Amino acid sequence: MNNSVSVKVYHGYGHTNNLVIYGHVFKFRAKNTQNYSNNFFVNIVYLIRMFILKPYPWLKVRLSFYDQIVYQTTEYDGFFKFEWKAEQNVSAGWHQVKVEALTDNGEVLAVNTGDVYVPHITQYAFISDIDDTIMVSHSATIGRRLRELFIKNPHTRKTFPGVTSYYNLLALSRTDAEHPNPFFYVSSSEWNLYDYLVSTFRFNQLPEGAFLLNQIKRWKDLLKTGKTGHEGKLMRVMRIIDAFPNQKFILFGDNSQQDPEIYTTIAMKHPECIEAIYIRNIRRERQKATLDTLSKAAEKSIHTCLFTDSKEAMSDAVKIGLINI
């Protein structure tokens, strides 16, 4: 193996007939250990090192899933996506996969494992934005967003009050602890921040779930972190909905950027799949415009809620029978 080459595998998702998992292969990636320090310089070095990398493009990768083998090729930025149908029925829960990076003659350059999540058969699935929906991020202002990243670590990043208890109640909506509803976290943040986000979510005891993030960036693009187009996020949400056609989705976002427009576009195209849309009212000056946008989804008999704090959203969810308190 080549010690400088590495494989990163992210949480995947799916079911027997459609399993999906993502990852990257790097020619080089800076070693990085999170110290959970409150020191500004320690945190900024940790952040910068997440963006010091060199992708490995057009490389063959091999996935092993039980006795099944699937091949793929990395894209220009080292990104790979495996999508396959299992040869045998796959039970609900987490299942391990192995991904190997290969030379043209089949030599293994690097190997790593990852997990794919197969949800239980439940009524609901939840898709949630992260920045300014779960975590305080100030996404609309690049300076304030970078300040949050630079001065905080995964254990000191602020989540909105009540969001953890709310999401954990939603995970049990019309089901039980042994068959939780699945969560999918979709963000404009780059794959560089994957470990950072997973650590933040686990520390705050948010429901486990699959992350779908934005295209990886190099260190020179660090100041552009968190910026993505409307279409990119729309496509990531649609991939999840397409993978689970038999479940009803509840969408969570905020009005700091384009979540109301993205979610309403999806609701207009697939009203049969969307049960409700919840939008956190981050930018008060956009309140009327947000309500006007959501009204289009409401015309399709989709429940909508614009809320300022999580207690409001919880009360609304109780009213419509989504959760019990």
Protein backbone atom coordinates (compact mmCIF):
# COMPACT_ATOMS: atom_id res chain seq x y z
CA MET A 1 0.00 0.00 0.00
CA ASN A 2 0.97 3.64 -0.47
CA ASN A 3 1.03 5.41 2.90
CA SER A 4 0.33 8.80 1.35
CA VAL A 5 -2.86 7.60 -0.41
CA SER A 6 -6.03 7.40 1.69
CA VAL A 7 -9.68 6.48 1.26
CA LYS A 8 -12.45 8.33 3.10
CA VAL A 9 -15.88 6.64 3.22
CA TYR A 10 -18.97 8.55 4.38
CA HIS A 11 -22.19 7.14 5.82
CA GLY A 12 -24.39 5.70 3.09
CA TYR A 13 -28.06 4.79 2.96
CA GLY A 14 -30.62 2.77 1.04
CA HIS A 15 -32.44 -0.53 0.95
CA THR A 16 -31.99 -3.92 -0.69
CA ASN A 17 -32.80 -2.68 -4.20
CA ASN A 18 -30.91 0.62 -4.03
CA LEU A 19 -27.86 1.10 -1.80
CA VAL A 20 -25.74 4.26 -2.04
CA ILE A 21 -22.45 5.26 -0.42
CA TYR A 22 -20.03 8.12 -1.11
CA GLY A 23 -16.38 8.81 -0.46
CA HIS A 24 -13.11 10.34 -1.64
CA VAL A 25 -9.65 9.06 -2.51
CA PHE A 26 -6.75 11.39 -1.72
CA LYS A 27 -3.17 11.34 -2.98
CA PHE A 28 -2.39 13.33 0.14
CA ARG A 29 -4.39 14.52 3.11
CA ALA A 30 -2.97 16.40 6.08
CA LYS A 31 -3.07 14.45 9.33
CA ASN A 32 -5.44 16.12 11.73
CA THR A 33 -6.45 15.45 15.33
CA GLN A 34 -9.19 17.42 17.04
CA ASN A 35 -8.11 18.58 20.50
CA TYR A 36 -11.46 20.21 21.42
CA SER A 37 -9.58 23.28 22.53
CA ASN A 38 -10.98 26.75 23.17
CA ASN A 39 -7.75 28.21 21.83
CA PHE A 40 -8.37 30.21 18.65
CA PHE A 41 -5.06 29.21 17.06
CA VAL A 42 -5.53 25.50 17.78
CA ASN A 43 -8.99 25.59 16.20
CA ILE A 44 -7.91 27.55 13.13
CA VAL A 45 -5.01 25.16 12.48
CA TYR A 46 -7.41 22.21 12.78
CA LEU A 47 -9.83 23.87 10.35
CA ILE A 48 -7.16 24.77 7.79
CA ARG A 49 -5.71 21.25 7.86
CA MET A 50 -9.11 19.85 6.84
CA PHE A 51 -8.65 21.72 3.56
CA ILE A 52 -5.01 20.68 2.95
CA LEU A 53 -5.43 17.76 0.58
CA LYS A 54 -4.80 16.51 -2.93
CA PRO A 55 -7.58 14.43 -4.53
CA TYR A 56 -6.82 11.30 -6.57
CA PRO A 57 -8.79 11.55 -9.84
CA TRP A 58 -9.80 8.81 -12.29
CA LEU A 59 -8.75 5.97 -10.01
CA LYS A 60 -10.42 2.56 -9.85
CA VAL A 61 -12.11 1.80 -6.52
CA ARG A 62 -13.56 -1.51 -5.34
CA LEU A 63 -16.40 -1.92 -2.86
CA SER A 64 -16.94 -5.15 -0.91
CA PHE A 65 -20.40 -5.65 0.61
CA TYR A 66 -20.69 -9.10 2.19
CA ASP A 67 -19.92 -11.43 -0.78
CA GLN A 68 -20.67 -8.77 -3.39
CA ILE A 69 -18.03 -6.77 -5.30
CA VAL A 70 -18.74 -3.49 -7.12
CA TYR A 71 -16.27 -1.34 -9.09
CA GLN A 72 -16.30 2.40 -9.71
CA THR A 73 -13.93 5.18 -10.78
CA THR A 74 -13.23 8.38 -8.89
CA GLU A 75 -14.18 11.69 -10.48
CA TYR A 76 -11.79 14.61 -11.19
CA ASP A 77 -11.92 15.64 -7.51
CA GLY A 78 -11.35 12.13 -6.11
CA PHE A 79 -15.05 11.71 -5.31
CA PHE A 80 -16.72 8.34 -5.78
CA LYS A 81 -20.30 7.16 -5.56
CA PHE A 82 -21.32 3.51 -5.38
CA GLU A 83 -24.94 2.69 -6.17
CA TRP A 84 -25.89 -0.96 -6.31
CA LYS A 85 -28.58 -3.56 -5.75
CA ALA A 86 -27.86 -6.15 -3.07
CA GLU A 87 -27.81 -9.78 -4.13
CA GLN A 88 -29.57 -10.80 -0.92
CA ASN A 89 -32.15 -9.14 1.29
CA VAL A 90 -30.55 -6.52 3.56
CA SER A 91 -31.99 -6.14 7.06
CA ALA A 92 -32.63 -2.78 8.69
CA GLY A 93 -29.70 -1.24 10.54
CA TRP A 94 -26.08 -0.32 9.83
CA HIS A 95 -24.01 -2.50 7.49
CA GLN A 96 -20.26 -2.25 6.93
CA VAL A 97 -18.65 -1.90 3.52
CA LYS A 98 -14.99 -1.98 2.54
CA VAL A 99 -13.60 0.32 -0.15
CA GLU A 100 -10.17 -0.19 -1.75
CA ALA A 101 -8.28 2.17 -4.05
CA LEU A 102 -6.59 0.22 -6.85
CA THR A 103 -3.85 0.76 -9.40
CA ASP A 104 -4.48 -0.17 -13.05
CA ASN A 105 -2.98 -3.62 -12.40
CA GLY A 106 -5.13 -4.23 -9.33
CA GLU A 107 -2.62 -3.38 -6.59
CA VAL A 108 -4.30 -2.03 -3.45
CA LEU A 109 -3.10 1.50 -2.74
CA ALA A 110 -5.31 2.17 0.29
CA VAL A 111 -8.34 0.72 2.05
CA ASN A 112 -10.97 1.89 4.51
CA THR A 113 -14.39 0.86 5.79
CA GLY A 114 -17.68 2.70 6.03
CA ASP A 115 -21.29 2.07 6.97
CA VAL A 116 -24.50 2.10 4.99
CA TYR A 117 -27.78 2.66 6.82
CA VAL A 118 -30.90 0.73 5.89
CA PRO A 119 -33.89 2.30 7.66
CA HIS A 120 -36.65 0.30 9.25
CA ILE A 121 -39.99 0.41 7.48
CA THR A 122 -41.50 3.47 9.13
CA GLN A 123 -44.04 6.06 8.10
CA TYR A 124 -41.72 9.06 8.12
CA ALA A 125 -38.24 10.14 7.09
CA PHE A 126 -36.66 13.50 7.91
CA ILE A 127 -34.40 15.65 5.76
CA SER A 128 -32.78 18.55 7.58
CA ASP A 129 -30.48 21.37 6.65
CA ILE A 130 -27.66 21.92 9.17
CA ASP A 131 -26.37 25.51 9.17
CA ASP A 132 -28.84 27.92 10.81
CA THR A 133 -31.40 25.13 11.07
CA ILE A 134 -29.66 22.95 13.66
CA MET A 135 -26.42 24.85 14.35
CA VAL A 136 -25.96 28.59 14.75
CA SER A 137 -23.81 29.38 11.70
CA HIS A 138 -24.64 32.84 10.30
CA SER A 139 -24.48 31.32 6.81
CA ALA A 140 -25.65 34.47 5.05
CA THR A 141 -22.57 36.41 6.24
CA ILE A 142 -19.26 34.81 5.30
CA GLY A 143 -17.28 36.67 7.97
CA ARG A 144 -19.55 35.57 10.81
CA ARG A 145 -19.72 32.03 9.41
CA LEU A 146 -15.92 31.73 9.36
CA ARG A 147 -15.75 33.19 12.86
CA GLU A 148 -18.01 30.38 14.12
CA LEU A 149 -15.76 27.81 12.43
CA PHE A 150 -12.51 29.37 13.61
CA ILE A 151 -13.28 30.05 17.26
CA LYS A 152 -15.43 26.99 18.00
CA ASN A 153 -14.78 23.26 17.98
CA PRO A 154 -17.35 20.43 17.64
CA HIS A 155 -17.96 20.45 21.40
CA THR A 156 -18.48 24.20 21.67
CA ARG A 157 -20.51 24.87 18.51
CA LYS A 158 -23.94 26.12 19.50
CA THR A 159 -27.08 24.30 18.42
CA PHE A 160 -30.43 26.07 18.70
CA PRO A 161 -32.15 25.55 22.07
CA GLY A 162 -34.53 22.61 22.05
CA VAL A 163 -33.46 21.22 18.68
CA THR A 164 -31.93 18.03 20.12
CA SER A 165 -35.01 17.07 22.14
CA TYR A 166 -37.24 17.97 19.19
CA TYR A 167 -35.33 15.85 16.67
CA ASN A 168 -35.17 12.91 19.06
CA LEU A 169 -38.96 13.10 19.47
CA LEU A 170 -39.30 13.14 15.69
CA ALA A 171 -37.06 10.07 15.44
CA LEU A 172 -39.72 8.21 17.45
CA SER A 173 -42.74 9.70 15.67
CA ARG A 174 -45.31 6.91 15.25
CA THR A 175 -42.63 4.30 15.84
CA ASP A 176 -40.41 3.07 18.71
CA ALA A 177 -36.78 3.24 19.84
CA GLU A 178 -35.90 -0.03 18.09
CA HIS A 179 -37.29 1.21 14.76
CA PRO A 180 -36.37 4.93 14.62
CA ASN A 181 -37.31 7.15 11.70
CA PRO A 182 -34.33 7.86 9.44
CA PHE A 183 -32.62 11.26 9.36
CA PHE A 184 -30.73 12.74 6.44
CA TYR A 185 -28.62 15.85 6.95
CA VAL A 186 -28.13 17.92 3.80
CA SER A 187 -25.82 20.91 3.90
CA SER A 188 -23.94 23.45 1.80
CA SER A 189 -20.88 22.64 3.93
CA GLU A 190 -18.15 20.73 2.11
CA TRP A 191 -17.16 17.10 2.61
CA ASN A 192 -13.99 18.51 4.23
CA LEU A 193 -16.13 19.18 7.33
CA TYR A 194 -17.67 15.69 7.54
CA ASP A 195 -15.79 14.51 10.66
CA TYR A 196 -16.31 17.90 12.31
CA LEU A 197 -20.09 17.69 11.76
CA VAL A 198 -20.40 14.05 12.84
CA SER A 199 -18.51 14.89 16.05
CA THR A 200 -20.74 17.93 16.69
CA PHE A 201 -23.93 15.93 16.17
CA ARG A 202 -22.84 13.06 18.40
CA PHE A 203 -21.70 15.40 21.16
CA ASN A 204 -25.10 17.10 21.07
CA GLN A 205 -26.87 13.71 20.97
CA LEU A 206 -28.74 14.39 17.75
CA PRO A 207 -30.19 11.38 15.90
CA GLU A 208 -27.67 9.37 13.89
CA GLY A 209 -28.11 9.80 10.18
CA ALA A 210 -26.52 10.06 6.75
CA PHE A 211 -24.87 13.31 5.64
CA LEU A 212 -24.97 14.69 2.12
CA LEU A 213 -22.54 17.56 1.77
CA ASN A 214 -21.10 19.85 -0.87
CA GLN A 215 -18.16 19.38 -3.24
CA ILE A 216 -14.79 19.20 -1.51
CA LYS A 217 -12.59 22.32 -1.51
CA ARG A 218 -8.84 22.96 -1.32
CA TRP A 219 -7.22 25.29 1.23
CA LYS A 220 -7.11 28.22 -1.22
CA ASP A 221 -10.93 28.11 -1.37
CA LEU A 222 -11.42 28.04 2.40
CA LEU A 223 -12.94 31.53 2.43
CA LYS A 224 -15.64 30.28 0.06
CA THR A 225 -16.78 27.51 2.40
CA GLY A 226 -20.51 26.91 2.64
CA LYS A 227 -21.38 28.38 -0.73
CA THR A 228 -23.29 26.23 -3.22
CA GLY A 229 -25.88 26.72 -5.90
CA HIS A 230 -29.61 26.14 -5.68
CA GLU A 231 -29.41 23.14 -8.02
CA GLY A 232 -26.76 21.29 -6.00
CA LYS A 233 -28.81 21.10 -2.84
CA LEU A 234 -32.01 20.40 -4.77
CA MET A 235 -30.38 17.39 -6.42
CA ARG A 236 -29.08 15.99 -3.12
CA VAL A 237 -32.53 16.17 -1.52
CA MET A 238 -34.17 14.63 -4.60
CA ARG A 239 -31.72 11.69 -4.54
CA ILE A 240 -32.90 10.81 -1.04
CA ILE A 241 -36.58 11.09 -1.91
CA ASP A 242 -36.10 9.01 -5.05
CA ALA A 243 -34.38 6.30 -3.00
CA PHE A 244 -37.35 5.93 -0.63
CA PRO A 245 -40.53 6.32 -2.71
CA ASN A 246 -42.75 4.68 -0.09
CA GLN A 247 -41.99 7.04 2.79
CA LYS A 248 -43.42 10.43 3.69
CA PHE A 249 -40.79 13.13 4.16
CA ILE A 250 -40.71 16.08 6.53
CA LEU A 251 -38.27 18.78 5.44
CA PHE A 252 -36.43 21.16 7.81
CA GLY A 253 -34.56 24.27 6.77
CA ASP A 254 -34.22 28.02 7.34
CA ASN A 255 -34.68 31.21 5.37
CA SER A 256 -31.09 32.47 5.61
CA GLN A 257 -30.52 31.25 2.05
CA GLN A 258 -32.70 29.21 -0.35
CA ASP A 259 -34.29 26.39 1.65
CA PRO A 260 -37.89 27.69 1.27
CA GLU A 261 -37.52 27.87 -2.51
CA ILE A 262 -35.75 24.49 -2.78
CA TYR A 263 -38.27 22.66 -0.58
CA THR A 264 -41.27 24.28 -2.26
CA THR A 265 -39.91 23.30 -5.69
CA ILE A 266 -39.68 19.68 -4.50
CA ALA A 267 -43.14 19.83 -2.94
CA MET A 268 -44.65 21.15 -6.16
CA LYS A 269 -43.08 18.33 -8.18
CA HIS A 270 -43.73 15.50 -5.69
CA PRO A 271 -46.56 16.53 -3.33
CA GLU A 272 -47.37 12.88 -2.63
CA CYS A 273 -43.95 12.41 -0.97
CA ILE A 274 -43.87 15.50 1.28
CA GLU A 275 -45.84 15.57 4.52
CA ALA A 276 -44.62 18.89 5.94
CA ILE A 277 -42.07 21.70 5.57
CA TYR A 278 -40.62 23.47 8.62
CA ILE A 279 -38.57 26.64 8.12
CA ARG A 280 -36.66 28.43 10.88
CA ASN A 281 -37.17 32.20 10.60
CA ILE A 282 -33.55 33.38 10.74
CA ARG A 283 -33.96 36.51 8.64
CA ARG A 284 -37.01 38.47 9.77
CA GLU A 285 -36.81 40.74 6.73
CA ARG A 286 -37.54 37.65 4.61
CA GLN A 287 -40.54 36.55 6.66
CA LYS A 288 -43.22 37.71 4.22
CA ALA A 289 -41.36 36.37 1.19
CA THR A 290 -40.88 33.04 2.97
CA LEU A 291 -44.57 32.78 3.83
CA ASP A 292 -45.49 33.62 0.24
CA THR A 293 -43.19 30.86 -1.01
CA LEU A 294 -44.51 28.29 1.47
CA SER A 295 -48.08 29.13 0.52
CA LYS A 296 -47.44 27.45 -2.84
CA ALA A 297 -46.65 24.19 -1.05
CA ALA A 298 -49.70 24.64 1.21
CA GLU A 299 -51.86 24.79 -1.93
CA LYS A 300 -50.75 21.19 -2.55
CA SER A 301 -52.13 20.20 0.90
CA ILE A 302 -48.63 20.08 2.41
CA HIS A 303 -48.39 21.34 5.97
CA THR A 304 -46.00 24.27 6.40
CA CYS A 305 -44.65 26.06 9.45
CA LEU A 306 -42.43 29.12 9.77
CA PHE A 307 -41.00 29.18 13.29
CA THR A 308 -38.58 31.29 15.30
CA ASP A 309 -37.58 28.80 18.00
CA SER A 310 -37.82 25.04 18.35
CA LYS A 311 -40.61 25.23 20.93
CA GLU A 312 -42.89 26.75 18.31
CA ALA A 313 -42.08 23.95 15.88
CA MET A 314 -42.66 21.34 18.58
CA SER A 315 -46.05 22.83 19.47
CA ASP A 316 -47.01 22.79 15.80
CA ALA A 317 -45.89 19.17 15.46
CA VAL A 318 -48.04 18.23 18.44
CA LYS A 319 -51.06 19.98 16.88
CA ILE A 320 -50.80 17.97 13.67
CA GLY A 321 -50.14 14.71 15.52
CA LEU A 322 -46.56 14.35 14.38
CA ILE A 323 -45.20 13.99 17.92
CA ASN A 324 -46.57 13.46 21.43
CA ILE A 325 -45.26 15.28 24.49
